[in-house]
N, C-alpha and C. Protein backbone atom coordinates (compact mmCIF):
# COMPACT_ATOMS: atom_id res chain seq x y z
N MET A 1 -3.39 -7.57 -9.19
CA MET A 1 -2.52 -7.84 -8.05
C MET A 1 -3.27 -7.47 -6.77
N ARG A 2 -3.37 -8.43 -5.88
CA ARG A 2 -3.99 -8.17 -4.58
C ARG A 2 -2.94 -7.55 -3.65
N ASN A 3 -3.44 -6.87 -2.62
CA ASN A 3 -2.52 -6.33 -1.63
C ASN A 3 -3.19 -6.23 -0.27
N ASP A 4 -2.38 -6.08 0.75
CA ASP A 4 -2.85 -5.99 2.13
C ASP A 4 -2.66 -4.59 2.72
N VAL A 5 -2.59 -3.59 1.86
CA VAL A 5 -2.33 -2.23 2.34
C VAL A 5 -3.44 -1.77 3.27
N ARG A 6 -4.70 -1.93 2.88
CA ARG A 6 -5.81 -1.46 3.71
C ARG A 6 -5.78 -2.14 5.09
N GLU A 7 -5.59 -3.44 5.11
CA GLU A 7 -5.58 -4.16 6.37
C GLU A 7 -4.45 -3.68 7.29
N ARG A 8 -3.29 -3.50 6.71
CA ARG A 8 -2.14 -3.04 7.50
C ARG A 8 -2.33 -1.60 7.97
N ARG A 9 -2.89 -0.77 7.10
CA ARG A 9 -3.13 0.64 7.46
C ARG A 9 -4.13 0.73 8.60
N THR A 10 -5.25 0.03 8.47
CA THR A 10 -6.29 0.12 9.51
C THR A 10 -5.82 -0.51 10.83
N ALA A 11 -4.98 -1.55 10.74
CA ALA A 11 -4.45 -2.17 11.96
C ALA A 11 -3.61 -1.18 12.75
N ARG A 12 -3.01 -0.24 12.05
CA ARG A 12 -2.21 0.81 12.72
C ARG A 12 -3.04 2.02 13.09
N GLY A 13 -4.32 2.00 12.73
CA GLY A 13 -5.19 3.12 13.07
C GLY A 13 -4.95 4.35 12.23
N LEU A 14 -4.44 4.16 11.03
CA LEU A 14 -4.13 5.29 10.15
C LEU A 14 -5.25 5.52 9.14
N ALA A 15 -5.53 6.78 8.86
CA ALA A 15 -6.41 7.14 7.76
C ALA A 15 -5.61 7.10 6.46
N GLN A 16 -6.32 7.00 5.35
CA GLN A 16 -5.63 7.02 4.05
C GLN A 16 -4.77 8.27 3.91
N ALA A 17 -5.28 9.41 4.35
CA ALA A 17 -4.54 10.66 4.22
C ALA A 17 -3.25 10.63 5.03
N GLU A 18 -3.29 10.00 6.20
CA GLU A 18 -2.08 9.92 7.03
C GLU A 18 -1.02 9.05 6.37
N LEU A 19 -1.43 7.91 5.83
CA LEU A 19 -0.47 7.06 5.14
C LEU A 19 0.07 7.77 3.91
N ALA A 20 -0.80 8.43 3.19
CA ALA A 20 -0.38 9.18 2.00
C ALA A 20 0.69 10.22 2.35
N ARG A 21 0.46 10.93 3.43
CA ARG A 21 1.42 11.95 3.87
C ARG A 21 2.77 11.31 4.20
N GLU A 22 2.76 10.18 4.88
CA GLU A 22 4.01 9.49 5.22
C GLU A 22 4.78 9.04 3.98
N LEU A 23 4.04 8.70 2.91
CA LEU A 23 4.68 8.19 1.70
C LEU A 23 4.85 9.25 0.62
N ALA A 24 4.41 10.47 0.91
CA ALA A 24 4.52 11.60 -0.03
C ALA A 24 3.76 11.33 -1.33
N VAL A 25 2.55 10.78 -1.18
CA VAL A 25 1.65 10.58 -2.32
C VAL A 25 0.28 11.15 -1.93
N SER A 26 -0.65 11.13 -2.87
CA SER A 26 -1.99 11.64 -2.57
C SER A 26 -2.84 10.57 -1.89
N ARG A 27 -3.88 11.01 -1.20
CA ARG A 27 -4.83 10.07 -0.60
C ARG A 27 -5.48 9.23 -1.67
N GLN A 28 -5.72 9.85 -2.84
CA GLN A 28 -6.33 9.11 -3.95
C GLN A 28 -5.44 7.97 -4.42
N THR A 29 -4.12 8.17 -4.37
CA THR A 29 -3.19 7.11 -4.75
C THR A 29 -3.34 5.93 -3.79
N ILE A 30 -3.41 6.21 -2.50
CA ILE A 30 -3.57 5.15 -1.51
C ILE A 30 -4.89 4.42 -1.74
N ASN A 31 -5.96 5.17 -1.98
CA ASN A 31 -7.26 4.57 -2.25
C ASN A 31 -7.20 3.67 -3.48
N SER A 32 -6.56 4.14 -4.53
CA SER A 32 -6.47 3.36 -5.77
C SER A 32 -5.64 2.09 -5.58
N ILE A 33 -4.60 2.16 -4.78
CA ILE A 33 -3.80 0.97 -4.49
C ILE A 33 -4.64 -0.03 -3.69
N GLU A 34 -5.31 0.46 -2.66
CA GLU A 34 -6.09 -0.42 -1.80
C GLU A 34 -7.23 -1.11 -2.55
N THR A 35 -7.82 -0.44 -3.51
CA THR A 35 -8.94 -1.02 -4.25
C THR A 35 -8.49 -1.81 -5.47
N GLY A 36 -7.19 -1.84 -5.74
CA GLY A 36 -6.68 -2.61 -6.85
C GLY A 36 -6.79 -1.94 -8.21
N ARG A 37 -7.15 -0.66 -8.22
CA ARG A 37 -7.24 0.06 -9.49
C ARG A 37 -5.88 0.54 -9.98
N TYR A 38 -4.89 0.54 -9.07
CA TYR A 38 -3.56 1.05 -9.42
C TYR A 38 -2.53 0.14 -8.77
N THR A 39 -1.57 -0.32 -9.56
CA THR A 39 -0.44 -1.07 -9.05
C THR A 39 0.71 -0.08 -8.90
N PRO A 40 1.24 0.06 -7.69
CA PRO A 40 2.28 1.06 -7.48
C PRO A 40 3.57 0.72 -8.21
N SER A 41 4.35 1.75 -8.47
CA SER A 41 5.68 1.56 -9.04
C SER A 41 6.52 0.79 -8.03
N LEU A 42 7.60 0.21 -8.49
CA LEU A 42 8.48 -0.54 -7.60
C LEU A 42 9.00 0.34 -6.45
N PRO A 43 9.47 1.57 -6.73
CA PRO A 43 9.93 2.40 -5.60
C PRO A 43 8.82 2.67 -4.57
N LEU A 44 7.59 2.88 -5.02
CA LEU A 44 6.50 3.12 -4.08
C LEU A 44 6.15 1.84 -3.33
N ALA A 45 6.14 0.70 -4.01
CA ALA A 45 5.87 -0.57 -3.34
C ALA A 45 6.92 -0.84 -2.26
N ILE A 46 8.17 -0.54 -2.55
CA ILE A 46 9.24 -0.71 -1.57
C ILE A 46 9.04 0.24 -0.40
N ALA A 47 8.67 1.49 -0.68
CA ALA A 47 8.43 2.46 0.39
C ALA A 47 7.28 2.01 1.29
N ILE A 48 6.23 1.46 0.70
CA ILE A 48 5.10 0.95 1.49
C ILE A 48 5.56 -0.19 2.37
N ALA A 49 6.29 -1.12 1.80
CA ALA A 49 6.79 -2.26 2.58
C ALA A 49 7.69 -1.80 3.71
N ARG A 50 8.58 -0.88 3.44
CA ARG A 50 9.47 -0.36 4.50
C ARG A 50 8.68 0.32 5.59
N PHE A 51 7.66 1.08 5.20
CA PHE A 51 6.83 1.77 6.19
C PHE A 51 6.21 0.76 7.15
N PHE A 52 5.75 -0.37 6.61
CA PHE A 52 5.11 -1.39 7.44
C PHE A 52 6.10 -2.40 8.00
N GLY A 53 7.38 -2.22 7.70
CA GLY A 53 8.41 -3.08 8.27
C GLY A 53 8.36 -4.51 7.79
N THR A 54 8.08 -4.69 6.50
CA THR A 54 7.98 -6.04 5.95
C THR A 54 8.49 -6.06 4.52
N ALA A 55 8.48 -7.22 3.91
CA ALA A 55 8.92 -7.37 2.52
C ALA A 55 7.77 -7.03 1.56
N VAL A 56 8.12 -6.58 0.39
CA VAL A 56 7.13 -6.27 -0.64
C VAL A 56 6.23 -7.48 -0.88
N GLU A 57 6.81 -8.66 -0.92
CA GLU A 57 6.05 -9.88 -1.20
C GLU A 57 5.02 -10.20 -0.13
N GLU A 58 5.20 -9.65 1.07
CA GLU A 58 4.25 -9.88 2.15
C GLU A 58 3.02 -8.98 2.02
N ILE A 59 3.12 -7.91 1.25
CA ILE A 59 2.01 -6.96 1.08
C ILE A 59 1.33 -7.13 -0.27
N PHE A 60 2.12 -7.34 -1.30
CA PHE A 60 1.58 -7.43 -2.66
C PHE A 60 1.64 -8.88 -3.14
N HIS A 61 0.50 -9.35 -3.67
CA HIS A 61 0.37 -10.76 -4.06
C HIS A 61 -0.06 -10.84 -5.52
N ALA A 62 0.75 -11.48 -6.32
CA ALA A 62 0.41 -11.65 -7.75
C ALA A 62 -0.80 -12.57 -7.87
N ASP A 63 -1.70 -12.21 -8.76
CA ASP A 63 -2.85 -13.06 -9.04
C ASP A 63 -2.44 -14.13 -10.02
N HIS A 64 -2.51 -15.36 -9.60
CA HIS A 64 -2.19 -16.48 -10.49
C HIS A 64 -3.48 -17.19 -10.85
N ASP A 65 -3.77 -17.28 -12.13
CA ASP A 65 -5.00 -17.95 -12.57
C ASP A 65 -4.78 -19.41 -12.78
């Protein structure tokens, strides 16, 4: 699953640690989401979308082969 977390985070001038603190997760979790090594749980995906003021579908994109 692709996502736009890194792009949205950097557009706001936030470090991974700052976003992690806002979402009550570790910086490593943010890094893993951004690099595609970890797909967040639905509650975390919703929290990320709410933080950026958009829909989950606008941030997370299913890979269709």
